[in-house]
Protein backbone atom coordinates (compact mmCIF):
# COMPACT_ATOMS: atom_id res chain seq x y z
CA MET A 1 -11.65 -14.33 -1.65
CA SER A 2 -14.55 -16.42 -0.52
CA LYS A 3 -17.25 -15.10 1.79
CA THR A 4 -19.95 -16.93 3.72
CA SER A 5 -23.28 -15.66 4.97
CA LYS A 6 -21.88 -15.00 8.43
CA ASP A 7 -19.30 -12.65 6.91
CA LEU A 8 -21.78 -10.32 5.24
CA PRO A 9 -22.22 -7.90 8.18
CA PHE A 10 -18.46 -7.31 8.14
CA SER A 11 -17.83 -7.15 4.39
CA SER A 12 -18.60 -3.44 4.28
CA ILE A 13 -15.87 -2.68 6.84
CA ILE A 14 -12.78 -4.41 5.46
CA THR A 15 -11.79 -4.87 1.84
CA GLN A 16 -9.69 -7.78 0.55
CA VAL A 17 -9.65 -9.84 3.73
CA SER A 18 -10.22 -13.61 3.98
CA LYS A 19 -12.54 -13.44 6.96
CA ASP A 20 -13.42 -17.15 6.77
CA ASP A 21 -9.82 -18.39 6.93
CA ASP A 22 -8.36 -18.92 10.41
CA LYS A 23 -5.20 -20.61 9.23
CA ASP A 24 -1.79 -19.15 9.96
CA ARG A 25 -0.86 -17.89 6.52
CA SER A 26 2.75 -17.19 5.65
CA MET A 27 2.93 -13.99 3.60
CA PRO A 28 6.63 -13.14 3.19
CA LEU A 29 7.35 -9.86 1.51
CA THR A 30 8.30 -10.40 -2.12
CA THR A 31 11.64 -8.96 -3.17
CA THR A 32 12.68 -8.53 -6.78
CA VAL A 33 16.08 -7.39 -7.99
CA VAL A 34 16.38 -6.40 -11.63
CA THR A 35 19.81 -6.77 -13.18
CA SER A 36 20.84 -6.49 -16.82
CA GLY A 37 17.24 -6.41 -17.97
CA THR A 38 16.22 -9.63 -16.17
CA SER A 39 14.37 -10.03 -12.90
CA GLN A 40 15.00 -12.47 -10.09
CA THR A 41 12.38 -12.97 -7.42
CA THR A 42 12.57 -14.44 -3.92
CA ASN A 43 9.62 -15.55 -1.79
CA GLY A 44 7.06 -14.84 -4.50
CA THR A 45 6.69 -13.68 -8.07
CA ILE A 46 6.58 -10.27 -9.67
CA ALA A 47 6.43 -10.35 -13.45
CA PRO A 48 7.09 -6.97 -15.08
CA ARG A 49 5.08 -6.52 -18.26
CA SER A 50 7.21 -3.80 -19.80
CA SER A 51 10.52 -2.01 -19.61
CA ARG A 52 8.78 0.71 -17.61
CA LYS A 53 7.63 -1.89 -15.09
CA GLN A 54 11.20 -3.17 -14.82
CA ARG A 55 12.41 0.38 -14.19
CA ILE A 56 9.84 0.84 -11.42
CA ILE A 57 10.74 -2.44 -9.72
CA SER A 58 14.44 -1.78 -10.08
CA LEU A 59 14.03 1.71 -8.64
CA LEU A 60 12.03 0.41 -5.70
CA PHE A 61 13.85 -2.73 -4.67
CA CYS A 62 17.42 -1.79 -5.54
CA CYS A 63 16.98 1.11 -3.15
CA LEU A 64 15.80 -1.31 -0.49
CA CYS A 65 19.05 -3.20 -1.00
CA GLY A 66 20.97 0.06 -0.56
CA SER A 67 22.51 0.04 -4.03
CA CYS A 68 20.94 3.08 -5.64
CA ARG A 69 20.20 5.65 -2.93
CA ARG A 70 22.15 8.29 -4.85
CA GLN A 71 20.70 7.29 -8.20
CA GLN A 72 17.19 7.90 -6.88
CA THR A 73 17.83 11.62 -6.44
CA LYS A 74 19.44 11.89 -9.89
CA THR A 75 16.62 10.32 -11.89
CA ALA A 76 14.99 12.87 -14.19
CA TYR A 77 11.21 13.05 -14.36
CA SER A 78 9.04 15.27 -16.49
CA SER A 79 6.49 17.41 -14.68
CA THR A 80 2.79 16.63 -15.05
CA THR A 81 -0.44 18.45 -14.35
CA THR A 82 -0.96 16.24 -11.29
CA THR A 83 1.91 17.94 -9.48
CA PRO A 84 0.72 21.16 -7.79
CA ALA A 85 2.96 24.19 -7.84
CA ALA A 86 4.51 25.11 -4.51
CA HIS A 87 2.29 28.19 -4.12
CA GLU A 88 -0.96 26.40 -5.01
CA SER A 89 -3.51 24.99 -2.62
CA ASN A 90 -3.60 21.20 -2.48
CA GLU A 91 -7.28 21.02 -1.54
CA LYS A 92 -8.29 19.28 -4.77
CA PHE A 93 -5.70 16.55 -4.19
CA LEU A 94 -5.62 13.77 -1.60
CA LEU A 95 -2.13 14.48 -0.26
CA PRO A 96 -0.63 17.64 1.25
CA ILE A 97 1.99 19.59 -0.67
CA LEU A 98 5.50 18.20 -0.31
CA ARG A 99 7.97 20.06 1.84
CA ASP A 100 11.03 21.54 0.15
CA ASN A 101 13.30 18.80 1.47
CA GLU A 102 11.02 16.07 0.08
CA GLN A 103 10.74 17.20 -3.53
CA THR A 104 13.03 14.46 -4.85
CA LYS A 105 11.34 11.59 -3.02
CA ILE A 106 9.34 8.89 -4.73
CA CYS A 107 5.78 8.55 -3.43
CA LEU A 108 5.30 4.93 -2.34
CA VAL A 109 1.63 3.99 -1.93
CA ILE A 110 1.15 0.83 0.14
CA ASP A 111 -2.01 -1.22 0.60
CA LEU A 112 -3.00 -2.57 4.03
CA ASP A 113 -5.06 -5.77 3.94
CA GLU A 114 -3.34 -8.85 2.47
CA THR A 115 -0.31 -6.66 1.75
CA LEU A 116 0.89 -5.65 5.22
CA VAL A 117 -1.55 -7.55 7.42
CA HIS A 118 -4.09 -10.38 7.39
CA SER A 119 -7.26 -9.92 9.45
CA VAL A 120 -9.96 -12.32 10.57
CA PHE A 121 -13.04 -12.03 12.76
CA ARG A 122 -12.52 -15.25 14.68
CA PRO A 123 -9.86 -15.72 17.39
CA VAL A 124 -6.45 -16.92 16.20
CA SER A 125 -3.51 -17.80 18.40
CA ASN A 126 -0.91 -15.90 16.38
CA ALA A 127 -2.62 -12.51 16.15
CA ASP A 128 -0.31 -9.52 16.63
CA PHE A 129 -3.18 -7.14 17.39
CA VAL A 130 -6.80 -7.39 18.45
CA VAL A 131 -8.75 -4.37 17.25
CA PRO A 132 -12.28 -3.64 18.50
CA VAL A 133 -14.63 -2.24 15.87
CA GLU A 134 -18.21 -1.16 16.44
CA ILE A 135 -20.69 -2.42 13.84
CA ASP A 136 -24.38 -1.58 14.16
CA GLY A 137 -23.99 -0.73 17.83
CA GLN A 138 -22.12 -3.92 18.70
CA VAL A 139 -18.36 -4.17 19.29
CA HIS A 140 -16.57 -6.93 17.39
CA GLN A 141 -12.96 -8.04 17.79
CA ILE A 142 -10.76 -8.21 14.68
CA TYR A 143 -7.64 -10.36 14.92
CA VAL A 144 -4.77 -8.92 12.90
CA THR A 145 -1.58 -10.76 11.93
CA LYS A 146 1.37 -8.89 10.45
CA ARG A 147 3.10 -10.12 7.32
CA PRO A 148 6.52 -11.58 8.20
CA HIS A 149 9.32 -8.97 8.17
CA VAL A 150 6.84 -6.11 7.76
CA ASP A 151 8.48 -4.02 10.49
CA GLU A 152 11.86 -4.11 8.75
CA PHE A 153 10.23 -3.43 5.40
CA LEU A 154 8.46 -0.32 6.68
CA ARG A 155 11.60 0.92 8.40
CA ARG A 156 13.61 0.68 5.18
CA VAL A 157 11.05 2.24 2.86
CA GLY A 158 10.41 4.99 5.39
CA GLU A 159 14.04 6.07 5.04
CA LEU A 160 13.78 6.37 1.26
CA TYR A 161 10.26 7.29 0.21
CA GLU A 162 7.25 9.40 0.99
CA CYS A 163 5.14 6.52 2.28
CA VAL A 164 1.35 6.66 1.98
CA LEU A 165 -1.05 4.06 3.36
CA PHE A 166 -3.97 3.67 0.93
CA THR A 167 -6.66 1.13 1.76
CA ALA A 168 -10.15 0.45 0.48
CA SER A 169 -11.20 -0.50 4.01
CA LEU A 170 -13.06 1.89 6.26
CA ALA A 171 -11.14 4.19 8.58
CA LYS A 172 -12.96 2.85 11.67
CA TYR A 173 -11.00 -0.39 11.18
CA ALA A 174 -7.90 0.66 9.23
CA ASP A 175 -6.93 3.70 11.30
CA PRO A 176 -6.49 1.84 14.62
CA VAL A 177 -4.68 -0.97 12.80
CA ALA A 178 -2.30 1.59 11.30
CA ASP A 179 -1.73 3.10 14.76
CA LEU A 180 -0.52 -0.29 16.00
CA LEU A 181 1.35 -1.24 12.85
CA ASP A 182 3.14 2.08 12.44
CA PRO A 183 4.02 3.57 15.85
CA GLN A 184 6.96 5.41 14.26
CA HIS A 185 4.63 7.29 11.87
CA ILE A 186 6.40 6.10 8.73
CA PHE A 187 3.24 6.76 6.75
CA ARG A 188 3.08 10.48 6.05
CA SER A 189 -0.58 10.15 5.07
CA ARG A 190 -3.38 7.62 5.42
CA LEU A 191 -6.10 7.28 2.81
CA PHE A 192 -9.21 5.16 3.30
CA ARG A 193 -12.22 3.99 1.30
CA GLU A 194 -13.68 7.46 0.95
CA SER A 195 -10.57 8.44 -1.02
CA CYS A 196 -11.09 5.63 -3.54
CA THR A 197 -12.92 6.00 -6.83
CA TYR A 198 -15.95 3.70 -7.10
CA TYR A 199 -15.89 2.23 -10.60
CA ASN A 200 -17.87 -0.74 -11.93
CA GLY A 201 -18.51 -2.05 -8.43
CA ASN A 202 -14.90 -1.79 -7.29
CA TYR A 203 -12.90 0.65 -5.16
CA ILE A 204 -10.05 1.96 -7.33
CA LYS A 205 -7.04 3.84 -6.00
CA ASP A 206 -6.73 6.65 -8.53
CA LEU A 207 -3.11 7.77 -8.28
CA SER A 208 -3.79 10.87 -10.37
CA ARG A 209 -5.73 12.31 -7.42
CA LEU A 210 -2.74 12.23 -5.08
CA GLY A 211 -1.24 15.51 -6.24
CA ARG A 212 2.10 13.96 -7.17
CA ASN A 213 3.99 13.58 -10.43
CA ILE A 214 2.56 10.27 -11.63
CA ARG A 215 6.01 9.23 -12.87
CA LYS A 216 7.22 9.43 -9.28
CA VAL A 217 4.47 7.25 -7.78
CA ILE A 218 4.68 3.51 -7.09
CA ILE A 219 1.84 1.46 -5.62
CA ILE A 220 2.31 -1.88 -3.83
CA ASP A 221 -0.92 -3.86 -3.66
CA ASN A 222 -2.18 -7.44 -3.75
CA SER A 223 -5.21 -6.65 -5.93
CA PRO A 224 -4.89 -5.63 -9.61
CA LEU A 225 -8.30 -3.96 -9.37
CA SER A 226 -6.92 -1.47 -6.88
CA TYR A 227 -4.52 0.03 -9.42
CA LEU A 228 -6.71 -0.52 -12.48
CA PHE A 229 -6.15 3.05 -13.69
CA HIS A 230 -2.35 2.97 -13.29
CA GLN A 231 -1.12 -0.55 -13.94
CA ASP A 232 2.32 0.62 -15.08
CA ASN A 233 2.92 2.13 -11.63
CA ALA A 234 2.13 -1.05 -9.74
CA VAL A 235 4.09 -3.78 -8.02
CA MET A 236 1.74 -6.63 -7.13
CA LEU A 237 2.34 -8.67 -4.00
CA LYS A 238 1.19 -12.28 -3.73
């Protein structure tokens, strides 16, 4: 996304935001249903690269359609070293240990900027929230617009998954946005830039650090760089 010189003071606060674009952008949530080995997409494109990718998308979006709620709990997964035992401390992982009644849930990691919301630093008429953020001793207003249908999306996934907000933006911006976006506390955990792995100049969301069986983790993100280490676990939004 393009940046201009006037954006540079803000670029260290928010990641993956078109700060120089004031236009009302339509960002409908992409829905893919996989049937008989083929995928059909509405309001966007998701192109699975492998049978594993098709399984992930099918598992995610069929459940959103209400067709495989029971199948989700029956899917067999092999244990991995990234899943802590119930009696172990979870201090070395980013997420707390799952409760007993959550052991069968898929961990759904969801990005914030350009996935759930679009933020700009200039006033826009259609902003859902205006979030004040202090930068170098001066308070700036950030205008946040929700993706269409995001409230319904979060409500549905919150019923089915362990939802985790994972953003490469700083907490001083992302945390108050999440407070406004998620008043029902659908996100069990929030992870910010300090939880990312800095690699080759990019902030990577290393899913192996979550403390979950990697086969039971799905990440929804608009940036392929974010899930560089775990591309087979990703569903990219456009």
